[in-house]
Amino acid sequence: MTLIVEDGTGVADADSYVTLGEARVIAANYGLNLPVDDVEAEVELRKGYLGLNANEPELQGYRTYTQQTGIFPRSEVYKNCDLVDSTAIPQSIKMAQLYQSDAYSNGVDANGVDNGQEISEFNVQGVYSEKYFDKGSTKVNSTISGVYNSLFDYSRAGYASSDCGGGSNGFGGGLGREEFGVAGKQWLD
């Protein structure tokens, strides 16, 4: 089944920010992995697209359209103190999808289950053994550096560290949760 590409207009049922052809070019240019088989590659791209949704609580603004399925397009988002077009899919969002897809292609579990246990001790000495912390936790959603870096400028932390968020004063802006998405340029005047 062909990918349904979100182009910034709130495409219903979208499952990718890139076409398969575009994804293959980006992957080749940046050394990212996509399966050779087109059907398998499209599955990895869909998983990458949906996997980005876990980052939404960290992003500035809000979804532009009620029917959209992904984290972009977004309204009230600033990158380097400039308002991002609320009907655009920035190149770095496409990169985030490819980094997420690459991680899945390399074995990151897209549907991990938190069993509530964290290993406290591991011993092999001829016999396998594990000990777990009481009431420990396992991080299910891995942090993928390429995804984090691609989304940072659109995040609340990225805004807070920018000049319009107060980052140039060394205090990180001091903005409260309710103030993100508010026109940042007003503080520059």
Protein backbone atom coordinates (compact mmCIF):
# COMPACT_ATOMS: atom_id res chain seq x y z
CA MET A 1 0.00 0.00 0.00
CA THR A 2 1.41 3.38 -1.00
CA LEU A 3 2.33 5.82 1.75
CA ILE A 4 -0.18 8.59 2.46
CA VAL A 5 2.01 11.69 2.75
CA GLU A 6 1.22 14.58 5.09
CA ASP A 7 1.98 17.69 3.04
CA GLY A 8 0.98 20.30 5.61
CA THR A 9 -2.73 20.40 4.80
CA GLY A 10 -3.87 17.96 7.48
CA VAL A 11 -4.17 14.95 5.18
CA ALA A 12 -6.61 12.49 6.73
CA ASP A 13 -5.06 9.08 7.43
CA ALA A 14 -1.53 10.28 6.57
CA ASP A 15 1.18 7.82 7.56
CA SER A 16 4.40 9.51 6.43
CA TYR A 17 6.05 12.89 5.91
CA VAL A 18 7.99 11.60 2.89
CA THR A 19 7.40 9.49 -0.18
CA LEU A 20 9.34 6.25 -0.47
CA GLY A 21 11.51 7.78 -3.20
CA GLU A 22 12.31 10.85 -1.08
CA ALA A 23 13.02 8.61 1.92
CA ARG A 24 15.47 6.52 -0.07
CA VAL A 25 17.37 9.64 -1.22
CA ILE A 26 17.55 11.05 2.34
CA ALA A 27 18.57 7.67 3.76
CA ALA A 28 21.34 7.29 1.16
CA ASN A 29 22.60 10.84 1.74
CA TYR A 30 22.82 10.40 5.52
CA GLY A 31 23.78 6.73 5.78
CA LEU A 32 20.44 5.65 7.27
CA ASN A 33 18.97 2.18 6.82
CA LEU A 34 15.77 1.33 5.04
CA PRO A 35 14.88 -2.18 3.93
CA VAL A 36 15.57 -2.88 0.24
CA ASP A 37 12.07 -4.31 -0.23
CA ASP A 38 9.62 -1.44 -0.87
CA VAL A 39 6.80 -2.95 1.21
CA GLU A 40 9.11 -3.47 4.20
CA ALA A 41 10.57 0.04 3.79
CA GLU A 42 7.09 1.56 3.79
CA VAL A 43 6.24 -0.34 6.98
CA GLU A 44 9.39 1.05 8.67
CA LEU A 45 8.51 4.57 7.49
CA ARG A 46 4.99 4.24 8.90
CA LYS A 47 6.38 3.06 12.23
CA GLY A 48 8.82 5.98 12.20
CA TYR A 49 6.01 8.45 11.50
CA LEU A 50 3.83 7.13 14.31
CA GLY A 51 6.80 6.77 16.64
CA LEU A 52 7.35 10.52 16.56
CA ASN A 53 4.01 11.01 18.34
CA ALA A 54 5.68 10.03 21.62
CA ASN A 55 7.61 13.33 21.40
CA GLU A 56 4.52 15.51 21.13
CA PRO A 57 4.31 16.52 24.83
CA GLU A 58 7.74 18.15 24.47
CA LEU A 59 6.82 20.23 21.40
CA GLN A 60 5.72 23.84 21.23
CA GLY A 61 2.27 24.76 19.99
CA TYR A 62 -0.48 22.43 18.91
CA ARG A 63 -1.63 20.45 15.88
CA THR A 64 -2.97 22.67 13.13
CA TYR A 65 -5.76 20.33 11.99
CA THR A 66 -8.00 18.07 14.05
CA GLN A 67 -7.87 15.25 11.50
CA GLN A 68 -4.07 15.10 11.20
CA THR A 69 -2.41 11.93 12.42
CA GLY A 70 1.12 13.17 13.13
CA ILE A 71 2.91 15.81 15.17
CA PHE A 72 3.19 18.25 12.25
CA PRO A 73 1.96 20.61 10.92
CA ARG A 74 1.80 22.67 14.14
CA SER A 75 0.61 26.16 14.98
CA GLU A 76 2.32 28.60 17.35
CA VAL A 77 5.79 27.09 16.91
CA TYR A 78 8.96 29.18 16.79
CA LYS A 79 12.33 28.17 15.40
CA ASN A 80 15.16 30.60 16.07
CA CYS A 81 12.56 33.24 17.01
CA ASP A 82 10.75 32.95 13.67
CA LEU A 83 7.20 31.65 13.49
CA VAL A 84 7.11 28.35 11.61
CA ASP A 85 4.54 28.12 8.81
CA SER A 86 1.61 26.25 10.36
CA THR A 87 0.94 24.49 7.05
CA ALA A 88 4.49 23.28 6.39
CA ILE A 89 6.45 20.13 7.10
CA PRO A 90 10.02 21.30 7.84
CA GLN A 91 12.89 19.22 6.47
CA SER A 92 14.07 18.43 10.01
CA ILE A 93 10.71 16.74 10.73
CA LYS A 94 11.26 14.51 7.71
CA MET A 95 14.75 13.78 9.05
CA ALA A 96 13.27 12.88 12.45
CA GLN A 97 11.00 10.33 10.74
CA LEU A 98 13.97 8.83 8.91
CA TYR A 99 16.06 8.62 12.08
CA GLN A 100 13.14 6.94 13.87
CA SER A 101 12.66 4.52 10.96
CA ASP A 102 16.39 3.78 10.87
CA ALA A 103 16.32 2.90 14.57
CA TYR A 104 13.43 0.51 13.98
CA SER A 105 15.25 -1.01 10.99
CA ASN A 106 18.22 -1.60 13.29
CA GLY A 107 16.23 -3.43 15.93
CA VAL A 108 14.72 -0.86 18.29
CA ASP A 109 11.41 -2.28 19.51
CA ALA A 110 8.56 -0.12 18.18
CA ASN A 111 6.08 -1.75 20.53
CA GLY A 112 8.05 -2.47 23.71
CA VAL A 113 6.32 -3.52 26.89
CA ASP A 114 7.31 -2.11 30.28
CA ASN A 115 7.49 -5.08 32.63
CA GLY A 116 8.20 -2.81 35.60
CA GLN A 117 11.58 -4.37 36.24
CA GLU A 118 15.07 -2.93 35.98
CA ILE A 119 18.14 -5.14 36.09
CA SER A 120 20.29 -4.51 39.18
CA GLU A 121 22.82 -7.29 38.62
CA PHE A 122 23.87 -9.46 35.69
CA ASN A 123 26.18 -12.46 36.02
CA VAL A 124 27.34 -14.90 33.36
CA GLN A 125 30.19 -16.98 34.98
CA GLY A 126 29.20 -20.08 33.09
CA VAL A 127 25.57 -19.73 34.22
CA TYR A 128 23.19 -16.94 33.20
CA SER A 129 21.54 -14.98 36.01
CA GLU A 130 19.78 -11.66 36.49
CA LYS A 131 18.60 -9.79 39.58
CA TYR A 132 16.06 -6.99 39.47
CA PHE A 133 15.48 -3.88 41.58
CA ASP A 134 12.24 -3.90 43.55
CA LYS A 135 9.68 -1.60 41.93
CA GLY A 136 12.19 -0.68 39.23
CA SER A 137 11.21 0.57 35.82
CA THR A 138 12.28 -0.12 32.27
CA LYS A 139 12.40 2.71 29.79
CA VAL A 140 10.19 1.61 26.90
CA ASN A 141 10.62 4.52 24.48
CA SER A 142 14.30 4.75 23.65
CA THR A 143 15.81 8.18 23.10
CA ILE A 144 17.11 8.35 19.55
CA SER A 145 19.70 11.11 19.24
CA GLY A 146 18.90 11.94 15.61
CA VAL A 147 15.20 12.31 16.45
CA TYR A 148 15.94 14.42 19.53
CA ASN A 149 18.30 16.69 17.61
CA SER A 150 15.91 17.06 14.66
CA LEU A 151 12.98 18.02 16.92
CA PHE A 152 14.90 20.20 19.40
CA ASP A 153 14.31 23.55 17.67
CA TYR A 154 10.55 22.88 17.75
CA SER A 155 10.52 21.78 21.38
CA ARG A 156 9.71 23.81 24.47
CA ALA A 157 13.32 23.42 25.59
CA GLY A 158 14.53 24.62 22.19
CA TYR A 159 12.35 27.70 22.44
CA ALA A 160 13.47 28.40 26.02
CA SER A 161 17.13 28.20 24.98
CA SER A 162 16.65 30.57 22.03
CA ASP A 163 17.12 34.34 22.20
CA CYS A 164 13.36 34.94 22.09
CA GLY A 165 12.84 32.44 24.90
CA GLY A 166 15.41 34.17 27.05
CA GLY A 167 18.27 31.79 26.41
CA SER A 168 20.75 34.58 25.76
CA ASN A 169 20.43 35.82 29.36
CA GLY A 170 21.78 32.54 30.72
CA PHE A 171 18.61 31.70 32.66
CA GLY A 172 16.81 29.63 29.99
CA GLY A 173 14.00 32.13 29.63
CA GLY A 174 12.07 31.30 32.76
CA LEU A 175 8.90 30.71 30.77
CA GLY A 176 6.09 28.72 32.31
CA ARG A 177 4.27 25.88 30.56
CA GLU A 178 1.28 28.09 29.69
CA GLU A 179 3.54 30.64 27.98
CA PHE A 180 4.92 28.34 25.27
CA GLY A 181 3.27 29.01 21.95
CA VAL A 182 2.78 32.69 22.86
CA ALA A 183 4.30 35.01 20.28
CA GLY A 184 7.96 34.99 21.29
CA LYS A 185 9.07 37.95 19.22
CA GLN A 186 7.17 40.37 21.46
CA TRP A 187 10.03 40.09 24.00
CA LEU A 188 12.60 41.22 21.45
CA ASP A 189 11.00 44.61 20.83
